[in-house]
């Protein structure tokens, strides 16, 4: 288990990634991410509409658009 200082330093790095509006995925969104082969713990949801969902990687900042199945 990481000690508190390491967690805080990684949190500071993540806050600099400029995805402020992204949120943790819901259970339904987590299932969709798993269907596409993504690890839902590494992705945040930016926007969602009836046909697609935009997600951003917590670590790299890569943005992906996934169609809802």
Protein backbone atom coordinates (compact mmCIF):
# COMPACT_ATOMS: atom_id res chain seq x y z
CA UNK A 1 0.00 0.00 0.00
CA UNK A 2 1.49 3.37 -0.97
CA UNK A 3 2.25 5.76 1.83
CA UNK A 4 0.41 9.08 2.02
CA UNK A 5 3.19 11.22 0.58
CA UNK A 6 3.38 9.18 -2.65
CA UNK A 7 -0.39 9.39 -3.07
CA UNK A 8 -0.39 13.17 -2.64
CA UNK A 9 2.43 13.65 -5.12
CA UNK A 10 0.64 11.56 -7.77
CA UNK A 11 -2.60 13.46 -7.04
CA UNK A 12 -0.83 16.75 -7.71
CA UNK A 13 0.48 15.40 -11.02
CA UNK A 14 -2.99 14.24 -12.06
CA UNK A 15 -4.58 17.60 -11.24
CA UNK A 16 -2.23 19.23 -13.78
CA UNK A 17 -3.61 17.08 -16.64
CA UNK A 18 -6.40 19.57 -17.57
CA UNK A 19 -9.38 17.22 -17.47
CA UNK A 20 -11.19 19.09 -14.73
CA UNK A 21 -14.72 18.36 -15.97
CA UNK A 22 -14.20 14.60 -16.16
CA UNK A 23 -15.95 12.43 -13.58
CA UNK A 24 -15.61 8.91 -12.25
CA UNK A 25 -17.69 6.49 -14.39
CA UNK A 26 -20.98 5.06 -13.12
CA UNK A 27 -21.50 1.29 -12.92
CA UNK A 28 -23.27 1.26 -16.29
CA UNK A 29 -20.42 3.24 -17.85
CA UNK A 30 -17.87 0.89 -16.23
CA UNK A 31 -19.56 -2.08 -17.93
CA UNK A 32 -19.41 -0.28 -21.29
CA UNK A 33 -15.70 0.46 -20.82
CA UNK A 34 -15.05 -3.20 -19.99
CA UNK A 35 -16.86 -4.28 -23.18
CA UNK A 36 -14.39 -2.17 -25.17
CA UNK A 37 -11.46 -3.66 -23.23
CA UNK A 38 -10.63 -0.59 -21.15
CA UNK A 39 -9.76 -0.74 -17.45
CA UNK A 40 -12.45 1.51 -15.96
CA UNK A 41 -10.14 2.53 -13.10
CA UNK A 42 -7.86 4.32 -15.58
CA UNK A 43 -10.57 6.32 -17.39
CA UNK A 44 -12.78 9.30 -16.53
CA UNK A 45 -15.99 10.28 -18.34
CA UNK A 46 -15.97 13.71 -19.99
CA UNK A 47 -19.32 13.77 -21.82
CA UNK A 48 -22.11 11.37 -22.60
CA UNK A 49 -25.10 11.49 -24.92
CA UNK A 50 -27.54 8.93 -26.35
CA UNK A 51 -25.15 7.51 -28.95
CA UNK A 52 -21.61 7.95 -27.59
CA UNK A 53 -19.42 8.56 -24.56
CA UNK A 54 -16.14 10.52 -24.41
CA UNK A 55 -13.55 9.33 -21.91
CA UNK A 56 -10.10 10.57 -20.93
CA UNK A 57 -7.23 8.54 -19.49
CA UNK A 58 -6.27 9.56 -15.95
CA UNK A 59 -2.55 9.11 -16.55
CA UNK A 60 -1.84 10.07 -20.18
CA UNK A 61 -4.70 12.45 -20.96
CA UNK A 62 -5.63 10.48 -24.11
CA UNK A 63 -9.23 11.08 -25.18
CA UNK A 64 -11.38 8.34 -26.76
CA UNK A 65 -14.92 8.42 -28.14
CA UNK A 66 -16.86 5.18 -27.76
CA UNK A 67 -20.18 4.31 -29.36
CA UNK A 68 -22.83 2.91 -27.04
CA UNK A 69 -23.78 -0.65 -27.86
